């Protein structure tokens, strides 16, 4: 393990010199730790480690997969030997290479931040303080990420094991796992320090005072410290530095560079020159094939589509791009619950092409013609047919779709098309819409209906859908906020954490290969040990004082 930490320290010192990935590139040939050049180089290297590379590797790209694939917003249309599949089906393995990358690159960045914090003194000048603040921020961000991947939610017990808390660059310092509470305490301390030190505005592709405040609003939300969540959300919102994109611009969010997006508070910047090769191994490449680039094998889930389609005018629907069959033919579809040969419950898409008869829409199934009937509600027209049992089956009336293994291709565009490049995307760490929703959830948990709905309505107004004048029938105030959070932050790798930290179970009763095999997770209880990942076996082998997570 000593060799590992020696390599971490060495790499962190030098990585800024060797990585030419603007804006986090540094080309100084002689790094002197005691001067500003050395501090800049270490800091840029830490950004580069977390950002990852054009091949889809690195810290963030794998961290994203844990948070998003374990949620309920996507389905995967086939099986794969790629180990991200275990995040999706909750069949975790102890030697997951992707989890090991999260751990390795995370601790490389932590050691780099530690080195900067230890070697450089505060108060020399504004630039030094800013860079030190950025390192405090990055260290906090990594620890917060790691403790949520490998440790249980804070409200399930602060005394549960988290991850090792290493605050030195000493190669002989090999700490065992600290508690979840100790990690959260350090995250808060680091972010408050970062908030204090950062005074230079370098733009939203670098950490800033407001980025620290925004992340603190999320951290305190996870800790259920609602007053502090509101306090820090207020600081960001009232700063006036950021504003929500318009309803028209919202579907174009991912096409903008971070610098040209007034809603983004902090993002890892990817450039089309230097950060993009062929686009086949990016996050967006799994969600869509665009201009013949990308696998396009993961789609918006039926669960998410049912929710977003409740308001057909919702601007966020434009993040979903259905790939229709050629020729384009009108059809109805629905999800049909059934059983396979062994009696296990199945959920499958059912498509039927329609035809017109006597001025009405019909389809034929099993030799019987069924009329597609309508039911008008205030926000949309619902479609249904009366099945052979005499009850209504609700359907979507649209067009037949291109499918893979029976799964319709509802492409997701939220992680693609920056500057028109098919699979280029700059991952957003925190944006203003989330801060409003953090505050809304905190108000909901304090029982403040008016303030909670007001914040939710800010987001709904921007989405172009009706606002709430009261809590919807059949829902709690918290349900209302979390539903809007799901709609707004879909495909941003927060859904898994939002469900389990609120002691809710993950409902996955919809089509997808997560239901393949024996005893699949139709529902993932928040108490199940598989809501967190195993500590990578590779790490336990080289550091035996690491205790493995329970099976």
Foldseek 3Di string as FASTA:
>chain_A
DLVLLVVLLVCLQCQLCVADFPPLHDNDPDADCQDPSSLSSSLSSLLDQQQDFQLQAHAPSLLLLLLFLQAAFKFFQDDDPQLSVCSNLLVFDQARPSLVRNVSSLVSLLLSLLSLLVNDDPDPDLVSLLSNLLSLQSNLVSLVSQQQFFHAQVVVDQQTWGAFDDNHSDSPDDGATGGNVVSLVSSLVSLVSSLVRFDDPPAQQTDHNLNSLLVQLVSCLSNLVLVSNQVSLCVNVVVPQADQDFLVCVLVVFQAFRRPHRFFNHWNGGDPPSRHDQQANHPQLCQDQDPNHHDLRMATFPVLCVLVVVAVLFSLLSQWDFAADPPWFKKKKDWDWDADPVGDIAIAIDIFTWDDDPNFIWTDDPRDIWTWDWDDDPRDIWTWTQDPVRDTDTIDIDTHADDRNRHTRGGGNNQANHNHHGRHGTQGPDTSLVSLLSNLLSCLVVVNFVSNQVSLQVLCVSRVHDGDPGDDPPDGSNRSSLSSVCSVCNSNSNRLVVQLSVQHKRANRGDHCSPDDPPTPNIHGSPDQSSHHWPRPVVCVVPVSYDTRDD
